[in-house]
Amino acid sequence: MARMSLVRSLAVAAMLAPSMNARAAANNDPDWPCIQRKVPQLSLGQIWNGPELPPAAKDLSKDPAVSALVEEVAARRMPIAEAQKKIKDFAASLPAEQLAPKMAMLVQGMFDHMDTERSHVISGISRYAHKQLEMAAALRKEASDVDALRAKPDADPDEVERRTEQLKFATRIFNERVQSLTYVCDVPTIIEQRLYQLSKVVSETLAAKK
């Protein structure tokens, strides 16, 4: 029974590499393991349908309040409804003549911050997937070596048991990483959706003030 359980676990490692390679072929990236299409960077037009942002919107250093708000609302630990309310409250606190320029700065700041964060996540996914492929290959080799050792008439039972337990532990770690990768693959999309939702609040706030 233990042997069959180990075989089933190792089947995951055996199947992962072809699956990842098929996805990579669709994405033209040998290290991209996700079903989601790889888009390394976003464009502002994907998340903003408001007025064109002026060049001055890029300079967050001139407005600590906007810069701090960007950091707050971009953090995924903050519920989206709370982040949207913070944006509305900030807009409500501004004099009429400052609303448009401050909101433009906020949108640009959120885009720059969250697109950079998203790009870092995507790079991390590629590194993680590459490591998984290396682990899968190592597990398959070790499984083959253990099978060969077990088949020897004079094999030391203690050595067989020790190697088998090591292989089972390594396989369990590998499978846990596979499950983690499934979640991590969703993160770029989660960031993109959050950025769109926050930018939409800004657009609606500006439209309401006209």
C-alpha atoms as a PDB file:
ATOM      1  CA  MET A   1       0.000   0.000   0.000  1.00  0.00           C
ATOM      2  CA  ALA A   2       2.782   2.443   0.886  1.00  0.00           C
ATOM      3  CA  ARG A   3       4.521   1.606  -2.362  1.00  0.00           C
ATOM      4  CA  MET A   4       1.377   2.281  -4.411  1.00  0.00           C
ATOM      5  CA  SER A   5       0.856   5.570  -2.579  1.00  0.00           C
ATOM      6  CA  LEU A   6       4.390   6.597  -3.446  1.00  0.00           C
ATOM      7  CA  VAL A   7       3.876   5.668  -7.084  1.00  0.00           C
ATOM      8  CA  ARG A   8       0.716   7.770  -7.259  1.00  0.00           C
ATOM      9  CA  SER A   9       2.508  10.724  -5.689  1.00  0.00           C
ATOM     10  CA  LEU A  10       5.394  10.453  -8.092  1.00  0.00           C
ATOM     11  CA  ALA A  11       2.951  10.408 -10.984  1.00  0.00           C
ATOM     12  CA  VAL A  12       2.338  14.077 -10.254  1.00  0.00           C
ATOM     13  CA  ALA A  13       6.019  14.810 -10.789  1.00  0.00           C
ATOM     14  CA  ALA A  14       6.028  12.733 -13.952  1.00  0.00           C
ATOM     15  CA  MET A  15       3.050  14.607 -15.391  1.00  0.00           C
ATOM     16  CA  LEU A  16       3.978  18.110 -14.320  1.00  0.00           C
ATOM     17  CA  ALA A  17       6.839  18.696 -16.764  1.00  0.00           C
ATOM     18  CA  PRO A  18       4.833  17.868 -19.932  1.00  0.00           C
ATOM     19  CA  SER A  19       1.907  19.929 -18.639  1.00  0.00           C
ATOM     20  CA  MET A  20       4.116  22.922 -17.889  1.00  0.00           C
ATOM     21  CA  ASN A  21       5.862  22.603 -21.242  1.00  0.00           C
ATOM     22  CA  ALA A  22       2.515  22.557 -23.074  1.00  0.00           C
ATOM     23  CA  ARG A  23       1.438  25.726 -21.274  1.00  0.00           C
ATOM     24  CA  ALA A  24       4.822  27.308 -21.956  1.00  0.00           C
ATOM     25  CA  ALA A  25       4.490  26.536 -25.661  1.00  0.00           C
ATOM     26  CA  ALA A  26       1.157  28.368 -25.698  1.00  0.00           C
ATOM     27  CA  ASN A  27       2.779  31.333 -23.946  1.00  0.00           C
ATOM     28  CA  ASN A  28       6.121  31.194 -25.786  1.00  0.00           C
ATOM     29  CA  ASP A  29       7.930  31.083 -22.456  1.00  0.00           C
ATOM     30  CA  PRO A  30       9.677  27.903 -21.270  1.00  0.00           C
ATOM     31  CA  ASP A  31       9.334  28.927 -17.618  1.00  0.00           C
ATOM     32  CA  TRP A  32       5.670  29.987 -17.599  1.00  0.00           C
ATOM     33  CA  PRO A  33       3.517  27.311 -15.896  1.00  0.00           C
ATOM     34  CA  CYS A  34       0.146  29.044 -15.610  1.00  0.00           C
ATOM     35  CA  ILE A  35      -3.055  28.550 -17.556  1.00  0.00           C
ATOM     36  CA  GLN A  36      -3.431  32.327 -17.559  1.00  0.00           C
ATOM     37  CA  ARG A  37      -1.721  33.990 -20.514  1.00  0.00           C
ATOM     38  CA  LYS A  38       1.527  35.705 -19.610  1.00  0.00           C
ATOM     39  CA  VAL A  39       1.325  39.494 -19.983  1.00  0.00           C
ATOM     40  CA  PRO A  40       4.522  40.880 -18.406  1.00  0.00           C
ATOM     41  CA  GLN A  41       3.286  44.483 -18.246  1.00  0.00           C
ATOM     42  CA  LEU A  42      -0.035  46.281 -18.408  1.00  0.00           C
ATOM     43  CA  SER A  43      -0.894  49.409 -20.361  1.00  0.00           C
ATOM     44  CA  LEU A  44      -2.695  52.312 -18.733  1.00  0.00           C
ATOM     45  CA  GLY A  45      -5.493  52.038 -21.293  1.00  0.00           C
ATOM     46  CA  GLN A  46      -6.396  48.586 -19.979  1.00  0.00           C
ATOM     47  CA  ILE A  47      -7.497  49.953 -16.632  1.00  0.00           C
ATOM     48  CA  TRP A  48      -8.297  53.650 -17.186  1.00  0.00           C
ATOM     49  CA  ASN A  49     -11.111  55.055 -19.339  1.00  0.00           C
ATOM     50  CA  GLY A  50     -11.084  58.544 -17.887  1.00  0.00           C
ATOM     51  CA  PRO A  51      -9.455  61.696 -19.294  1.00  0.00           C
ATOM     52  CA  GLU A  52      -5.862  61.599 -20.486  1.00  0.00           C
ATOM     53  CA  LEU A  53      -3.462  61.925 -17.583  1.00  0.00           C
ATOM     54  CA  PRO A  54      -1.083  64.912 -17.687  1.00  0.00           C
ATOM     55  CA  PRO A  55       2.706  64.374 -17.442  1.00  0.00           C
ATOM     56  CA  ALA A  56       2.656  66.010 -13.993  1.00  0.00           C
ATOM     57  CA  ALA A  57       0.653  63.028 -12.691  1.00  0.00           C
ATOM     58  CA  LYS A  58       3.843  60.968 -12.632  1.00  0.00           C
ATOM     59  CA  ASP A  59       5.521  63.003  -9.904  1.00  0.00           C
ATOM     60  CA  LEU A  60       4.245  61.481  -6.673  1.00  0.00           C
ATOM     61  CA  SER A  61       7.183  62.872  -4.723  1.00  0.00           C
ATOM     62  CA  LYS A  62       5.498  66.270  -4.719  1.00  0.00           C
ATOM     63  CA  ASP A  63       2.434  64.973  -2.900  1.00  0.00           C
ATOM     64  CA  PRO A  64       3.061  62.796   0.178  1.00  0.00           C
ATOM     65  CA  ALA A  65      -0.683  62.403   0.799  1.00  0.00           C
ATOM     66  CA  VAL A  66      -1.317  60.866  -2.626  1.00  0.00           C
ATOM     67  CA  SER A  67       1.804  58.737  -2.345  1.00  0.00           C
ATOM     68  CA  ALA A  68       0.669  57.388   1.030  1.00  0.00           C
ATOM     69  CA  LEU A  69      -2.821  56.679  -0.322  1.00  0.00           C
ATOM     70  CA  VAL A  70      -1.342  54.711  -3.228  1.00  0.00           C
ATOM     71  CA  GLU A  71       0.584  52.515  -0.795  1.00  0.00           C
ATOM     72  CA  GLU A  72      -2.516  51.957   1.322  1.00  0.00           C
ATOM     73  CA  VAL A  73      -5.037  51.057  -1.356  1.00  0.00           C
ATOM     74  CA  ALA A  74      -2.610  48.965  -3.412  1.00  0.00           C
ATOM     75  CA  ALA A  75      -2.042  46.565  -0.507  1.00  0.00           C
ATOM     76  CA  ARG A  76      -4.096  43.405  -1.165  1.00  0.00           C
ATOM     77  CA  ARG A  77      -4.576  42.832   2.575  1.00  0.00           C
ATOM     78  CA  MET A  78      -6.962  45.806   2.573  1.00  0.00           C
ATOM     79  CA  PRO A  79     -10.486  44.785   1.453  1.00  0.00           C
ATOM     80  CA  ILE A  80     -11.372  46.347  -1.899  1.00  0.00           C
ATOM     81  CA  ALA A  81     -14.469  48.068  -0.471  1.00  0.00           C
ATOM     82  CA  GLU A  82     -12.349  49.758   2.192  1.00  0.00           C
ATOM     83  CA  ALA A  83      -9.787  50.854  -0.397  1.00  0.00           C
ATOM     84  CA  GLN A  84     -12.523  52.299  -2.603  1.00  0.00           C
ATOM     85  CA  LYS A  85     -13.969  54.207   0.343  1.00  0.00           C
ATOM     86  CA  LYS A  86     -10.550  55.677   1.143  1.00  0.00           C
ATOM     87  CA  ILE A  87     -10.324  56.994  -2.404  1.00  0.00           C
ATOM     88  CA  LYS A  88     -13.799  58.526  -2.196  1.00  0.00           C
ATOM     89  CA  ASP A  89     -13.041  60.104   1.183  1.00  0.00           C
ATOM     90  CA  PHE A  90      -9.786  61.536  -0.137  1.00  0.00           C
ATOM     91  CA  ALA A  91     -11.576  63.004  -3.160  1.00  0.00           C
ATOM     92  CA  ALA A  92     -14.227  64.528  -0.908  1.00  0.00           C
ATOM     93  CA  SER A  93     -11.536  66.245   1.168  1.00  0.00           C
ATOM     94  CA  LEU A  94     -10.043  68.078  -1.810  1.00  0.00           C
ATOM     95  CA  PRO A  95     -10.852  71.635  -2.946  1.00  0.00           C
ATOM     96  CA  ALA A  96     -12.649  71.606  -6.311  1.00  0.00           C
ATOM     97  CA  GLU A  97      -9.651  72.992  -8.181  1.00  0.00           C
ATOM     98  CA  GLN A  98      -7.381  70.222  -6.866  1.00  0.00           C
ATOM     99  CA  LEU A  99      -9.676  67.286  -7.557  1.00  0.00           C
ATOM    100  CA  ALA A 100      -8.731  66.561 -11.165  1.00  0.00           C
ATOM    101  CA  PRO A 101      -4.932  66.902 -10.791  1.00  0.00           C
ATOM    102  CA  LYS A 102      -4.828  64.934  -7.525  1.00  0.00           C
ATOM    103  CA  MET A 103      -7.004  62.142  -8.926  1.00  0.00           C
ATOM    104  CA  ALA A 104      -4.831  61.981 -12.037  1.00  0.00           C
ATOM    105  CA  MET A 105      -1.781  61.647  -9.829  1.00  0.00           C
ATOM    106  CA  LEU A 106      -3.529  58.918  -7.830  1.00  0.00           C
ATOM    107  CA  VAL A 107      -4.398  56.875 -10.916  1.00  0.00           C
ATOM    108  CA  GLN A 108      -0.889  57.169 -12.321  1.00  0.00           C
ATOM    109  CA  GLY A 109       0.601  56.282  -8.955  1.00  0.00           C
ATOM    110  CA  MET A 110      -1.612  53.217  -8.510  1.00  0.00           C
ATOM    111  CA  PHE A 111      -0.807  52.059 -12.032  1.00  0.00           C
ATOM    112  CA  ASP A 112       2.959  52.445 -11.627  1.00  0.00           C
ATOM    113  CA  HIS A 113       2.980  50.818  -8.190  1.00  0.00           C
ATOM    114  CA  MET A 114       0.715  47.870  -8.964  1.00  0.00           C
ATOM    115  CA  ASP A 115       2.067  47.159 -12.447  1.00  0.00           C
ATOM    116  CA  THR A 116       5.572  46.971 -10.964  1.00  0.00           C
ATOM    117  CA  GLU A 117       4.314  44.664  -8.200  1.00  0.00           C
ATOM    118  CA  ARG A 118       2.578  42.490 -10.798  1.00  0.00           C
ATOM    119  CA  SER A 119       5.744  42.260 -12.919  1.00  0.00           C
ATOM    120  CA  HIS A 120       7.733  41.143  -9.867  1.00  0.00           C
ATOM    121  CA  VAL A 121       5.158  38.425  -9.162  1.00  0.00           C
ATOM    122  CA  ILE A 122       5.346  37.201 -12.765  1.00  0.00           C
ATOM    123  CA  SER A 123       9.138  37.000 -12.597  1.00  0.00           C
ATOM    124  CA  GLY A 124       8.864  35.058  -9.343  1.00  0.00           C
ATOM    125  CA  ILE A 125       6.411  32.604 -10.903  1.00  0.00           C
ATOM    126  CA  SER A 126       8.867  31.856 -13.699  1.00  0.00           C
ATOM    127  CA  ARG A 127      11.678  31.199 -11.222  1.00  0.00           C
ATOM    128  CA  TYR A 128       9.383  29.033  -9.088  1.00  0.00           C
ATOM    129  CA  ALA A 129       8.261  26.978 -12.097  1.00  0.00           C
ATOM    130  CA  HIS A 130      11.830  26.442 -13.263  1.00  0.00           C
ATOM    131  CA  LYS A 131      12.692  25.099  -9.823  1.00  0.00           C
ATOM    132  CA  GLN A 132       9.674  22.779  -9.985  1.00  0.00           C
ATOM    133  CA  LEU A 133      10.874  21.313 -13.278  1.00  0.00           C
ATOM    134  CA  GLU A 134      14.274  20.652 -11.744  1.00  0.00           C
ATOM    135  CA  MET A 135      12.642  19.026  -8.709  1.00  0.00           C
ATOM    136  CA  ALA A 136      10.403  16.856 -10.920  1.00  0.00           C
ATOM    137  CA  ALA A 137      13.410  15.583 -12.852  1.00  0.00           C
ATOM    138  CA  ALA A 138      15.318  14.860  -9.626  1.00  0.00           C
ATOM    139  CA  LEU A 139      12.336  12.991  -8.150  1.00  0.00           C
ATOM    140  CA  ARG A 140      11.922  10.830 -11.235  1.00  0.00           C
ATOM    141  CA  LYS A 141      15.615   9.934 -11.175  1.00  0.00           C
ATOM    142  CA  GLU A 142      15.565   9.151  -7.461  1.00  0.00           C
ATOM    143  CA  ALA A 143      12.432   7.003  -7.879  1.00  0.00           C
ATOM    144  CA  SER A 144      14.175   5.059 -10.622  1.00  0.00           C
ATOM    145  CA  ASP A 145      17.273   4.627  -8.449  1.00  0.00           C
ATOM    146  CA  VAL A 146      15.190   3.396  -5.504  1.00  0.00           C
ATOM    147  CA  ASP A 147      13.400   0.898  -7.734  1.00  0.00           C
ATOM    148  CA  ALA A 148      16.749  -0.374  -9.007  1.00  0.00           C
ATOM    149  CA  LEU A 149      18.063  -0.689  -5.453  1.00  0.00           C
ATOM    150  CA  ARG A 150      14.942  -2.523  -4.330  1.00  0.00           C
ATOM    151  CA  ALA A 151      15.317  -5.013  -7.202  1.00  0.00           C
ATOM    152  CA  LYS A 152      18.802  -6.083  -6.077  1.00  0.00           C
ATOM    153  CA  PRO A 153      18.811  -9.453  -4.243  1.00  0.00           C
ATOM    154  CA  ASP A 154      21.438  -8.258  -1.794  1.00  0.00           C
ATOM    155  CA  ALA A 155      19.917  -4.817  -1.156  1.00  0.00           C
ATOM    156  CA  ASP A 156      20.184  -3.587   2.426  1.00  0.00           C
ATOM    157  CA  PRO A 157      16.573  -3.327   3.696  1.00  0.00           C
ATOM    158  CA  ASP A 158      17.473  -0.427   5.971  1.00  0.00           C
ATOM    159  CA  GLU A 159      18.976   1.485   3.060  1.00  0.00           C
ATOM    160  CA  VAL A 160      15.922   0.797   0.914  1.00  0.00           C
ATOM    161  CA  GLU A 161      13.646   2.024   3.692  1.00  0.00           C
ATOM    162  CA  ARG A 162      15.740   5.143   4.301  1.00  0.00           C
ATOM    163  CA  ARG A 163      15.814   6.086   0.607  1.00  0.00           C
ATOM    164  CA  THR A 164      12.102   5.393   0.237  1.00  0.00           C
ATOM    165  CA  GLU A 165      11.217   7.627   3.186  1.00  0.00           C
ATOM    166  CA  GLN A 166      13.431  10.416   1.843  1.00  0.00           C
ATOM    167  CA  LEU A 167      11.734  10.118  -1.537  1.00  0.00           C
ATOM    168  CA  LYS A 168       8.267  10.220   0.012  1.00  0.00           C
ATOM    169  CA  PHE A 169       9.175  13.346   1.977  1.00  0.00           C
ATOM    170  CA  ALA A 170      10.635  15.089  -1.074  1.00  0.00           C
ATOM    171  CA  THR A 171       7.554  14.147  -3.110  1.00  0.00           C
ATOM    172  CA  ARG A 172       5.246  15.575  -0.453  1.00  0.00           C
ATOM    173  CA  ILE A 173       7.150  18.879  -0.535  1.00  0.00           C
ATOM    174  CA  PHE A 174       6.962  18.880  -4.312  1.00  0.00           C
ATOM    175  CA  ASN A 175       3.193  18.309  -4.294  1.00  0.00           C
ATOM    176  CA  GLU A 176       2.684  21.090  -1.755  1.00  0.00           C
ATOM    177  CA  ARG A 177       4.597  23.424  -4.062  1.00  0.00           C
ATOM    178  CA  VAL A 178       2.364  22.356  -6.958  1.00  0.00           C
ATOM    179  CA  GLN A 179      -0.693  23.387  -4.940  1.00  0.00           C
ATOM    180  CA  SER A 180       0.940  26.700  -4.015  1.00  0.00           C
ATOM    181  CA  LEU A 181       1.705  27.391  -7.664  1.00  0.00           C
ATOM    182  CA  THR A 182      -1.988  27.089  -8.515  1.00  0.00           C
ATOM    183  CA  TYR A 183      -2.712  29.974  -6.137  1.00  0.00           C
ATOM    184  CA  VAL A 184       0.288  32.058  -7.153  1.00  0.00           C
ATOM    185  CA  CYS A 185      -0.754  31.900 -10.808  1.00  0.00           C
ATOM    186  CA  ASP A 186      -3.905  33.842  -9.876  1.00  0.00           C
ATOM    187  CA  VAL A 187      -2.020  36.719  -8.240  1.00  0.00           C
ATOM    188  CA  PRO A 188      -1.208  38.774 -11.396  1.00  0.00           C
ATOM    189  CA  THR A 189      -4.886  38.666 -12.372  1.00  0.00           C
ATOM    190  CA  ILE A 190      -5.935  39.602  -8.834  1.00  0.00           C
ATOM    191  CA  ILE A 191      -3.630  42.643  -8.930  1.00  0.00           C
ATOM    192  CA  GLU A 192      -4.913  43.644 -12.372  1.00  0.00           C
ATOM    193  CA  GLN A 193      -8.539  43.366 -11.282  1.00  0.00           C
ATOM    194  CA  ARG A 194      -7.863  45.374  -8.123  1.00  0.00           C
ATOM    195  CA  LEU A 195      -6.155  48.110 -10.126  1.00  0.00           C
ATOM    196  CA  TYR A 196      -9.126  48.278 -12.504  1.00  0.00           C
ATOM    197  CA  GLN A 197     -11.634  48.455  -9.636  1.00  0.00           C
ATOM    198  CA  LEU A 198      -9.716  51.231  -7.888  1.00  0.00           C
ATOM    199  CA  SER A 199      -9.246  53.220 -11.090  1.00  0.00           C
ATOM    200  CA  LYS A 200     -12.939  52.858 -11.869  1.00  0.00           C
ATOM    201  CA  VAL A 201     -13.804  54.524  -8.542  1.00  0.00           C
ATOM    202  CA  VAL A 202     -11.599  57.472  -9.481  1.00  0.00           C
ATOM    203  CA  SER A 203     -13.281  57.743 -12.893  1.00  0.00           C
ATOM    204  CA  GLU A 204     -16.744  57.603 -11.343  1.00  0.00           C
ATOM    205  CA  THR A 205     -15.800  60.202  -8.721  1.00  0.00           C
ATOM    206  CA  LEU A 206     -14.565  62.619 -11.374  1.00  0.00           C
ATOM    207  CA  ALA A 207     -17.656  62.053 -13.492  1.00  0.00           C
ATOM    208  CA  ALA A 208     -19.928  62.745 -10.507  1.00  0.00           C
ATOM    209  CA  LYS A 209     -18.254  66.102  -9.873  1.00  0.00           C
ATOM    210  CA  LYS A 210     -18.849  67.434 -13.380  1.00  0.00           C
END
